Amino acid sequence: MSTFSLIAIPLFICGMIMLLLAATLKKHVFLSPGIALTSSSVVFAILGMTL
């Protein structure tokens, strides 16, 4: 596994937790970091698969 793939896994989990908190608690504070972490983890996973 590439380093990018190893970084992508915890980022994706943290992003999903943030999005879950935004949905359940109705707090929009968690929404933008959740989207940012999830999208960056997708980019890291794609980079990890291509390298």
Protein backbone atom coordinates (compact mmCIF):
# COMPACT_ATOMS: atom_id res chain seq x y z
CA MET A 1 0.00 0.00 0.00
CA SER A 2 1.11 3.47 -0.82
CA THR A 3 1.55 6.17 1.80
CA PHE A 4 -1.28 8.09 0.18
CA SER A 5 -3.61 5.13 0.66
CA LEU A 6 -2.63 4.82 4.30
CA ILE A 7 -3.35 8.51 4.85
CA ALA A 8 -6.69 8.30 3.01
CA ILE A 9 -8.25 5.73 5.34
CA PRO A 10 -8.26 7.76 8.60
CA LEU A 11 -9.13 10.96 6.73
CA PHE A 12 -12.17 9.28 5.21
CA ILE A 13 -13.29 7.98 8.61
CA CYS A 14 -12.89 11.42 10.22
CA GLY A 15 -14.73 13.06 7.34
CA MET A 16 -17.64 10.64 7.62
CA ILE A 17 -17.82 11.22 11.38
CA MET A 18 -17.92 14.98 10.80
CA LEU A 19 -20.67 14.61 8.18
CA LEU A 20 -22.61 12.33 10.52
CA LEU A 21 -22.33 14.91 13.31
CA ALA A 22 -23.50 17.63 10.95
CA ALA A 23 -26.52 15.56 9.97
CA THR A 24 -27.55 14.37 13.42
CA LEU A 25 -26.81 17.45 15.52
CA LYS A 26 -27.95 19.93 12.83
CA LYS A 27 -24.74 21.90 13.38
CA HIS A 28 -23.37 23.38 10.19
CA VAL A 29 -19.98 23.86 11.82
CA PHE A 30 -19.11 20.22 11.09
CA LEU A 31 -20.27 20.33 7.47
CA SER A 32 -17.41 22.14 5.74
CA PRO A 33 -14.58 20.26 7.51
CA GLY A 34 -16.40 17.00 6.83
CA ILE A 35 -16.65 17.77 3.13
CA ALA A 36 -13.02 18.89 3.01
CA LEU A 37 -11.72 15.77 4.77
CA THR A 38 -13.84 13.43 2.68
CA SER A 39 -12.85 15.02 -0.62
CA SER A 40 -9.17 15.09 0.30
CA SER A 41 -9.30 11.43 1.28
CA VAL A 42 -10.80 10.58 -2.12
CA VAL A 43 -7.97 12.47 -3.82
CA PHE A 44 -5.38 10.68 -1.68
CA ALA A 45 -6.96 7.31 -2.47
CA ILE A 46 -6.85 8.03 -6.21
CA LEU A 47 -3.23 9.11 -5.92
CA GLY A 48 -2.44 5.99 -3.93
CA MET A 49 -3.96 3.75 -6.58
CA THR A 50 -2.15 5.46 -9.45
CA LEU A 51 1.31 5.39 -7.88
